[in-house]
């Protein structure tokens, strides 16, 4: 009975942590020739803090954005027919060429992505940079 109570308490605490986790949105300039910003969603406190440090200039090395694409449009990123899975987003300094693409090219060739083009669905636009944090929570 004690084990059952302990597991139940642990489960409830885990749910509370998930419910109160912060969600933040950041605008990314994918490449210098992309017209539109690409919006990412973060809900991991460590990644949110890392993104804010990049924007403030406290972090200068790994500042480019990468992650696994999901071929589903999200309301917070309406100009693109895909988004980055928040669980896979990270920041990098250098990456291999096979995952580099502009956001516009990726959107125009989304049906080809996750094969020879962007294997494993990983996208790492080399010219990407965080532009700003979006404060509007209307997503």
Protein backbone atom coordinates (compact mmCIF):
# COMPACT_ATOMS: atom_id res chain seq x y z
CA UNK A 1 0.00 0.00 0.00
CA UNK A 2 2.90 2.36 0.81
CA UNK A 3 4.44 1.75 -2.63
CA UNK A 4 1.13 2.49 -4.33
CA UNK A 5 0.73 5.75 -2.40
CA UNK A 6 4.29 6.78 -3.19
CA UNK A 7 3.84 6.13 -6.93
CA UNK A 8 0.57 8.05 -6.95
CA UNK A 9 2.18 11.00 -5.15
CA UNK A 10 5.10 10.95 -7.59
CA UNK A 11 2.71 10.92 -10.54
CA UNK A 12 0.74 13.87 -9.16
CA UNK A 13 3.91 15.88 -8.59
CA UNK A 14 5.05 15.16 -12.14
CA UNK A 15 1.72 16.37 -13.51
CA UNK A 16 1.95 19.56 -11.47
CA UNK A 17 5.41 20.28 -12.87
CA UNK A 18 4.12 19.83 -16.43
CA UNK A 19 1.09 22.04 -15.79
CA UNK A 20 3.19 24.89 -14.43
CA UNK A 21 6.02 24.69 -16.95
CA UNK A 22 6.64 27.91 -18.80
CA UNK A 23 6.09 28.09 -22.55
CA UNK A 24 7.96 30.71 -24.54
CA UNK A 25 7.99 31.63 -28.21
CA UNK A 26 10.95 33.02 -30.12
CA UNK A 27 11.27 34.50 -33.58
CA UNK A 28 14.12 33.10 -35.66
CA UNK A 29 15.61 34.58 -38.80
CA UNK A 30 16.32 31.26 -40.59
CA UNK A 31 18.70 32.68 -43.21
CA UNK A 32 19.60 36.11 -44.54
CA UNK A 33 17.53 35.51 -47.70
CA UNK A 34 14.36 34.25 -45.93
CA UNK A 35 11.73 36.98 -45.91
CA UNK A 36 9.67 35.75 -42.97
CA UNK A 37 10.61 34.93 -39.42
CA UNK A 38 10.19 31.35 -38.25
CA UNK A 39 8.63 30.94 -34.81
CA UNK A 40 9.75 28.27 -32.36
CA UNK A 41 8.08 27.13 -29.17
CA UNK A 42 10.10 26.17 -26.11
CA UNK A 43 8.77 24.74 -22.86
CA UNK A 44 11.95 23.40 -21.30
CA UNK A 45 13.17 25.91 -18.69
CA UNK A 46 16.83 25.25 -19.54
CA UNK A 47 16.28 25.88 -23.26
CA UNK A 48 14.20 29.00 -22.56
CA UNK A 49 16.99 30.34 -20.37
CA UNK A 50 19.56 29.50 -23.05
CA UNK A 51 17.52 31.33 -25.71
CA UNK A 52 17.20 34.40 -23.50
CA UNK A 53 20.96 34.41 -22.89
CA UNK A 54 21.54 34.28 -26.65
CA UNK A 55 19.23 37.26 -27.16
CA UNK A 56 20.89 39.25 -24.38
CA UNK A 57 24.35 38.57 -25.78
CA UNK A 58 25.49 36.55 -22.75
CA UNK A 59 25.94 33.49 -25.00
CA UNK A 60 27.91 33.96 -28.19
CA UNK A 61 28.99 30.47 -29.32
CA UNK A 62 26.11 28.11 -30.01
CA UNK A 63 23.49 30.57 -31.25
CA UNK A 64 22.00 28.91 -34.33
CA UNK A 65 18.74 26.95 -34.07
CA UNK A 66 18.24 23.31 -35.01
CA UNK A 67 15.63 20.64 -34.42
CA UNK A 68 13.47 17.96 -35.97
CA UNK A 69 10.75 19.20 -38.29
CA UNK A 70 7.17 18.03 -38.01
CA UNK A 71 5.11 18.38 -41.17
CA UNK A 72 2.22 20.06 -39.39
CA UNK A 73 1.44 23.75 -39.34
CA UNK A 74 1.09 25.39 -35.92
CA UNK A 75 -0.94 28.48 -35.08
CA UNK A 76 2.14 30.23 -33.69
CA UNK A 77 4.00 29.72 -37.00
CA UNK A 78 1.30 30.33 -39.66
CA UNK A 79 3.57 31.21 -42.59
CA UNK A 80 5.03 27.72 -42.75
CA UNK A 81 3.48 24.28 -43.24
CA UNK A 82 5.80 22.73 -40.66
CA UNK A 83 7.27 23.47 -37.25
CA UNK A 84 10.18 22.38 -35.10
CA UNK A 85 9.36 19.82 -32.43
CA UNK A 86 10.03 21.70 -29.16
CA UNK A 87 11.47 18.54 -27.57
CA UNK A 88 14.25 18.42 -30.19
CA UNK A 89 15.22 22.10 -30.45
CA UNK A 90 18.79 22.95 -29.54
CA UNK A 91 21.35 25.63 -30.33
CA UNK A 92 24.54 24.99 -32.27
CA UNK A 93 27.71 26.70 -33.43
CA UNK A 94 28.53 24.44 -36.39
CA UNK A 95 26.66 21.57 -38.07
CA UNK A 96 26.97 19.32 -41.09
CA UNK A 97 25.75 20.61 -44.44
CA UNK A 98 23.15 17.90 -45.00
CA UNK A 99 20.72 19.53 -42.53
CA UNK A 100 21.08 23.10 -43.84
CA UNK A 101 18.27 24.72 -45.83
CA UNK A 102 16.40 27.98 -45.95
CA UNK A 103 12.95 28.00 -44.38
CA UNK A 104 11.35 29.00 -47.67
CA UNK A 105 13.06 26.21 -49.66
CA UNK A 106 12.06 23.69 -47.00
CA UNK A 107 8.45 24.87 -47.11
CA UNK A 108 8.41 24.69 -50.93
CA UNK A 109 9.93 21.16 -50.91
CA UNK A 110 8.33 19.80 -47.74
CA UNK A 111 7.20 16.62 -49.51
CA UNK A 112 10.88 15.77 -50.15
CA UNK A 113 12.03 16.44 -46.57
CA UNK A 114 13.01 13.60 -44.24
CA UNK A 115 14.52 11.50 -47.03
CA UNK A 116 17.65 12.40 -48.95
CA UNK A 117 16.74 16.03 -48.27
CA UNK A 118 17.10 16.64 -44.51
CA UNK A 119 17.64 13.03 -43.42
CA UNK A 120 15.98 12.17 -40.14
CA UNK A 121 13.90 15.35 -40.49
CA UNK A 122 16.66 17.37 -38.81
CA UNK A 123 16.88 20.98 -39.92
CA UNK A 124 19.84 23.19 -38.99
CA UNK A 125 19.81 26.44 -40.96
CA UNK A 126 23.41 27.64 -40.70
CA UNK A 127 22.46 31.30 -41.00
CA UNK A 128 19.73 31.11 -38.37
CA UNK A 129 19.66 33.54 -35.49
CA UNK A 130 17.23 34.33 -32.71
CA UNK A 131 15.66 37.73 -33.30
CA UNK A 132 13.35 38.30 -30.34
CA UNK A 133 11.09 36.69 -27.80
CA UNK A 134 7.40 37.01 -28.53
CA UNK A 135 5.48 38.22 -25.50
CA UNK A 136 2.00 37.84 -27.01
CA UNK A 137 0.49 34.67 -25.57
CA UNK A 138 -2.38 34.53 -28.08
CA UNK A 139 -1.27 31.23 -29.62
